[in-house]
């Protein structure tokens, strides 16, 4: 985990300056995944391959693009929450089934973060 420092200062009554320095630890694996999922959302929105004209195994209408965007937004929003792990695994399985492999390319840092998230 990398340290995060927040510095704030303000002027109090009587012209005195008050400064506060806050330092905490932040998980460095969260940010690469956030940007990765955001990039995937943008790719799906711009794609002409992924549409809402899908059908499920029984032949019923399935709005694939809408469901895919919901799953990607859930991954983006909840990937830092440990209690959401089962939902994230299900969402990632759906994403892998419906997104073309060329859109799923990721860096080694993103791979490591995703592996840690899903294990």
Protein backbone atom coordinates (compact mmCIF):
# COMPACT_ATOMS: atom_id res chain seq x y z
CA UNK A 1 0.00 0.00 0.00
CA UNK A 2 1.22 3.47 -0.87
CA UNK A 3 0.89 6.44 1.50
CA UNK A 4 -1.53 9.20 0.62
CA UNK A 5 -0.96 12.63 2.12
CA UNK A 6 -3.62 15.31 2.31
CA UNK A 7 -2.62 18.80 3.38
CA UNK A 8 -5.15 21.48 4.26
CA UNK A 9 -4.73 24.94 5.66
CA UNK A 10 -7.19 27.68 6.46
CA UNK A 11 -7.28 31.03 8.19
CA UNK A 12 -8.98 31.20 11.57
CA UNK A 13 -10.33 34.20 13.43
CA UNK A 14 -7.68 36.69 14.35
CA UNK A 15 -5.58 35.93 11.25
CA UNK A 16 -4.06 32.71 12.62
CA UNK A 17 -3.27 30.05 10.03
CA UNK A 18 -4.20 26.46 10.84
CA UNK A 19 -2.57 23.59 8.93
CA UNK A 20 -3.56 19.95 9.04
CA UNK A 21 -1.67 17.07 7.48
CA UNK A 22 -3.41 13.72 7.12
CA UNK A 23 -1.52 10.64 6.01
CA UNK A 24 -3.07 7.26 5.31
CA UNK A 25 -2.42 4.09 3.34
CA UNK A 26 -4.24 3.45 0.07
CA UNK A 27 -4.49 0.22 -1.89
CA UNK A 28 -2.52 0.74 -5.09
CA UNK A 29 -4.33 -2.06 -6.91
CA UNK A 30 -7.67 -0.25 -6.95
CA UNK A 31 -6.80 2.52 -9.42
CA UNK A 32 -5.57 0.38 -12.35
CA UNK A 33 -8.81 -1.60 -12.28
CA UNK A 34 -10.98 1.49 -12.05
CA UNK A 35 -9.40 2.90 -15.19
CA UNK A 36 -9.49 -0.50 -16.91
CA UNK A 37 -13.23 -0.92 -16.27
CA UNK A 38 -13.87 2.68 -17.34
CA UNK A 39 -11.98 2.01 -20.59
CA UNK A 40 -14.04 -1.15 -21.14
CA UNK A 41 -17.29 0.77 -20.59
CA UNK A 42 -16.25 3.34 -23.17
CA UNK A 43 -15.26 0.59 -25.62
CA UNK A 44 -18.60 -1.18 -25.24
CA UNK A 45 -20.53 2.07 -25.68
CA UNK A 46 -18.59 2.84 -28.88
CA UNK A 47 -18.77 -0.72 -30.24
CA UNK A 48 -21.01 -1.67 -33.14
CA UNK A 49 -20.45 -5.39 -32.43
CA UNK A 50 -22.18 -5.41 -29.05
CA UNK A 51 -25.90 -4.67 -29.40
CA UNK A 52 -29.17 -5.16 -27.53
CA UNK A 53 -30.43 -7.60 -30.18
CA UNK A 54 -29.29 -10.72 -28.31
CA UNK A 55 -31.22 -13.83 -27.29
CA UNK A 56 -30.62 -16.18 -24.39
CA UNK A 57 -30.34 -19.99 -24.59
CA UNK A 58 -34.13 -20.40 -24.57
CA UNK A 59 -34.57 -17.91 -27.43
CA UNK A 60 -35.95 -15.04 -25.36
CA UNK A 61 -34.91 -11.43 -25.93
CA UNK A 62 -31.80 -10.47 -23.96
CA UNK A 63 -30.57 -6.83 -24.06
CA UNK A 64 -26.91 -7.85 -24.04
CA UNK A 65 -25.43 -4.37 -24.29
CA UNK A 66 -27.52 -2.95 -21.44
CA UNK A 67 -26.77 -5.91 -19.16
CA UNK A 68 -23.08 -5.74 -20.07
CA UNK A 69 -22.91 -2.03 -19.19
CA UNK A 70 -24.64 -2.74 -15.86
CA UNK A 71 -22.11 -5.48 -15.06
CA UNK A 72 -19.14 -3.28 -16.04
CA UNK A 73 -20.42 -0.38 -13.94
CA UNK A 74 -20.85 -2.76 -11.01
CA UNK A 75 -17.27 -4.00 -11.48
CA UNK A 76 -16.00 -0.41 -11.65
CA UNK A 77 -17.92 0.70 -8.55
CA UNK A 78 -17.55 -2.35 -6.30
CA UNK A 79 -14.11 -3.78 -7.13
CA UNK A 80 -12.64 -2.30 -3.94
CA UNK A 81 -15.29 -3.88 -1.68
CA UNK A 82 -14.33 -7.32 -0.32
CA UNK A 83 -17.92 -8.28 0.55
CA UNK A 84 -18.94 -7.93 -3.12
CA UNK A 85 -16.56 -10.65 -4.33
CA UNK A 86 -19.28 -13.19 -5.37
CA UNK A 87 -21.12 -10.52 -7.39
CA UNK A 88 -17.88 -9.41 -9.01
CA UNK A 89 -17.01 -12.97 -10.05
CA UNK A 90 -20.43 -13.39 -11.68
CA UNK A 91 -20.15 -10.00 -13.40
CA UNK A 92 -16.66 -10.78 -14.74
CA UNK A 93 -17.86 -14.15 -16.08
CA UNK A 94 -20.63 -12.35 -18.01
CA UNK A 95 -18.15 -9.76 -19.33
CA UNK A 96 -15.74 -12.44 -20.57
CA UNK A 97 -18.58 -14.28 -22.35
CA UNK A 98 -19.89 -11.22 -24.22
CA UNK A 99 -16.94 -8.89 -24.87
CA UNK A 100 -14.61 -9.62 -27.80
CA UNK A 101 -11.11 -10.70 -26.65
CA UNK A 102 -9.39 -7.75 -28.34
CA UNK A 103 -11.24 -5.39 -25.95
CA UNK A 104 -10.13 -7.35 -22.87
CA UNK A 105 -6.38 -6.72 -23.30
CA UNK A 106 -4.81 -5.55 -20.03
CA UNK A 107 -1.44 -4.63 -18.57
CA UNK A 108 0.46 -6.84 -16.14
CA UNK A 109 -0.55 -4.59 -13.21
CA UNK A 110 -4.21 -4.87 -14.22
CA UNK A 111 -3.89 -8.65 -14.58
CA UNK A 112 -2.37 -8.96 -11.11
CA UNK A 113 -5.06 -6.74 -9.58
CA UNK A 114 -7.86 -8.65 -11.32
CA UNK A 115 -6.41 -12.00 -10.28
CA UNK A 116 -6.21 -10.82 -6.68
CA UNK A 117 -9.78 -9.52 -6.91
CA UNK A 118 -11.23 -12.76 -8.24
CA UNK A 119 -9.24 -15.22 -6.06
